[in-house]
Amino acid sequence: MAHLDRSADEHLAAAQASPNGRSAELLVHDGVLRHSILALTAGTELAEHNSPHAASLQVLRGAVTVTGFETTAPLRAGELTVLTHHRHSVAALEDSVFLLTTVTGVPQDGPPERAR
């Protein structure tokens, strides 16, 4: 089980100590579902990239901007948004941590059955 507050503290400290200003970890991987925690120091950017099948971003600490939206208003701690289905980038306005939830693909016949 992941503890988000503890993970946020750890990854923010790791990002602050890293020369590239970032730290990330895959917390949950269940079939096509993934939850990743990412920390970026102020001014650090994740370069423009493609979106997975479905994704959301929840800011746990700090503030970030995401390109690819009609508005570029900052997302702040406690805010959750669906990510654009277009190319986008994420930039930290201040030291920030966010939870990225993605669905990387959907099997043709629907989700796999779970063992009982």
Protein backbone atom coordinates (compact mmCIF):
# COMPACT_ATOMS: atom_id res chain seq x y z
CA MET A 1 0.00 0.00 0.00
CA ALA A 2 1.31 3.45 -0.91
CA HIS A 3 1.18 6.31 1.58
CA LEU A 4 0.85 9.45 -0.55
CA ASP A 5 2.00 12.00 2.04
CA ARG A 6 5.11 10.00 2.87
CA SER A 7 5.82 9.31 -0.82
CA ALA A 8 5.35 13.01 -1.64
CA ASP A 9 7.88 14.00 1.04
CA GLU A 10 10.40 11.41 -0.16
CA HIS A 11 10.11 12.29 -3.84
CA LEU A 12 10.22 16.03 -3.25
CA ALA A 13 13.44 15.59 -1.25
CA ALA A 14 14.85 13.35 -4.00
CA ALA A 15 13.94 15.88 -6.71
CA GLN A 16 15.56 18.69 -4.72
CA ALA A 17 18.76 16.62 -4.44
CA SER A 18 18.73 15.55 -8.10
CA PRO A 19 20.60 17.53 -10.77
CA ASN A 20 17.64 17.16 -13.14
CA GLY A 21 15.13 18.39 -10.53
CA ARG A 22 12.79 15.43 -10.72
CA SER A 23 11.88 12.17 -9.07
CA ALA A 24 9.23 9.62 -9.99
CA GLU A 25 7.95 6.19 -9.02
CA LEU A 26 5.28 3.84 -10.30
CA LEU A 27 3.14 3.19 -7.21
CA VAL A 28 0.40 0.98 -8.65
CA HIS A 29 0.43 -1.20 -11.77
CA ASP A 30 -2.76 -3.21 -12.24
CA GLY A 31 -3.32 -4.33 -15.82
CA VAL A 32 -3.74 -1.16 -17.88
CA LEU A 33 -4.10 1.07 -14.79
CA ARG A 34 -1.07 2.92 -13.44
CA HIS A 35 -0.62 5.44 -10.62
CA SER A 36 2.70 7.27 -10.60
CA ILE A 37 3.98 9.94 -8.24
CA LEU A 38 6.19 12.64 -9.73
CA ALA A 39 8.06 15.47 -8.04
CA LEU A 40 9.49 18.45 -9.91
CA THR A 41 11.45 21.38 -8.54
CA ALA A 42 10.42 24.92 -9.45
CA GLY A 43 11.17 25.61 -13.12
CA THR A 44 11.55 21.93 -14.08
CA GLU A 45 9.49 20.79 -17.06
CA LEU A 46 8.44 17.44 -18.48
CA ALA A 47 8.89 18.06 -22.20
CA GLU A 48 5.98 17.80 -24.58
CA HIS A 49 4.80 14.20 -24.94
CA ASN A 50 1.81 12.16 -26.12
CA SER A 51 -1.03 11.32 -23.78
CA PRO A 52 -1.93 7.72 -22.94
CA HIS A 53 -5.40 6.37 -23.66
CA ALA A 54 -6.78 8.16 -20.57
CA ALA A 55 -5.06 10.14 -17.83
CA SER A 56 -5.60 12.47 -14.92
CA LEU A 57 -3.26 14.60 -12.84
CA GLN A 58 -3.84 15.45 -9.17
CA VAL A 59 -1.53 18.01 -7.58
CA LEU A 60 -0.52 16.95 -4.08
CA ARG A 61 1.92 19.82 -3.37
CA GLY A 62 2.84 23.06 -5.11
CA ALA A 63 1.55 24.27 -8.49
CA VAL A 64 2.05 23.15 -12.09
CA THR A 65 0.92 24.24 -15.52
CA VAL A 66 -0.05 21.83 -18.28
CA THR A 67 0.11 22.89 -21.92
CA GLY A 68 -2.45 21.57 -24.39
CA PHE A 69 -5.46 23.03 -22.56
CA GLU A 70 -7.44 26.06 -23.72
CA THR A 71 -6.44 27.75 -20.46
CA THR A 72 -3.02 27.76 -18.88
CA ALA A 73 -4.21 28.52 -15.35
CA PRO A 74 -2.03 26.84 -12.76
CA LEU A 75 -3.18 23.64 -11.12
CA ARG A 76 -2.62 23.86 -7.38
CA ALA A 77 -2.46 21.39 -4.49
CA GLY A 78 -5.79 19.61 -4.11
CA GLU A 79 -6.84 20.11 -7.73
CA LEU A 80 -7.50 17.24 -10.11
CA THR A 81 -7.86 17.43 -13.88
CA VAL A 82 -8.29 15.13 -16.85
CA LEU A 83 -5.29 15.46 -19.14
CA THR A 84 -5.69 16.49 -22.72
CA HIS A 85 -5.67 13.80 -25.39
CA HIS A 86 -3.19 15.91 -27.33
CA ARG A 87 0.52 16.42 -26.89
CA HIS A 88 1.22 18.32 -23.69
CA SER A 89 3.95 19.26 -21.25
CA VAL A 90 3.98 19.81 -17.48
CA ALA A 91 5.99 22.57 -15.79
CA ALA A 92 6.44 23.17 -12.07
CA LEU A 93 5.80 26.76 -10.99
CA GLU A 94 7.15 25.90 -7.55
CA ASP A 95 8.48 22.71 -5.98
CA SER A 96 5.61 20.33 -6.72
CA VAL A 97 4.41 16.75 -6.40
CA PHE A 98 1.56 15.21 -8.37
CA LEU A 99 -0.16 11.89 -8.81
CA LEU A 100 -0.48 10.80 -12.43
CA THR A 101 -3.17 8.20 -13.14
CA THR A 102 -3.09 6.57 -16.58
CA VAL A 103 -4.86 3.89 -18.55
CA THR A 104 -2.36 2.74 -21.13
CA GLY A 105 -4.67 0.68 -23.31
CA VAL A 106 -7.95 -1.16 -23.28
CA PRO A 107 -8.04 -4.78 -24.45
CA GLN A 108 -10.27 -5.35 -27.50
CA ASP A 109 -12.62 -7.63 -25.55
CA GLY A 110 -12.78 -5.41 -22.47
CA PRO A 111 -10.93 -5.66 -19.19
CA PRO A 112 -9.51 -9.04 -18.16
CA GLU A 113 -11.49 -11.10 -15.69
CA ARG A 114 -10.04 -11.24 -12.19
CA ALA A 115 -9.39 -14.59 -10.57
CA ARG A 116 -11.80 -15.35 -7.77
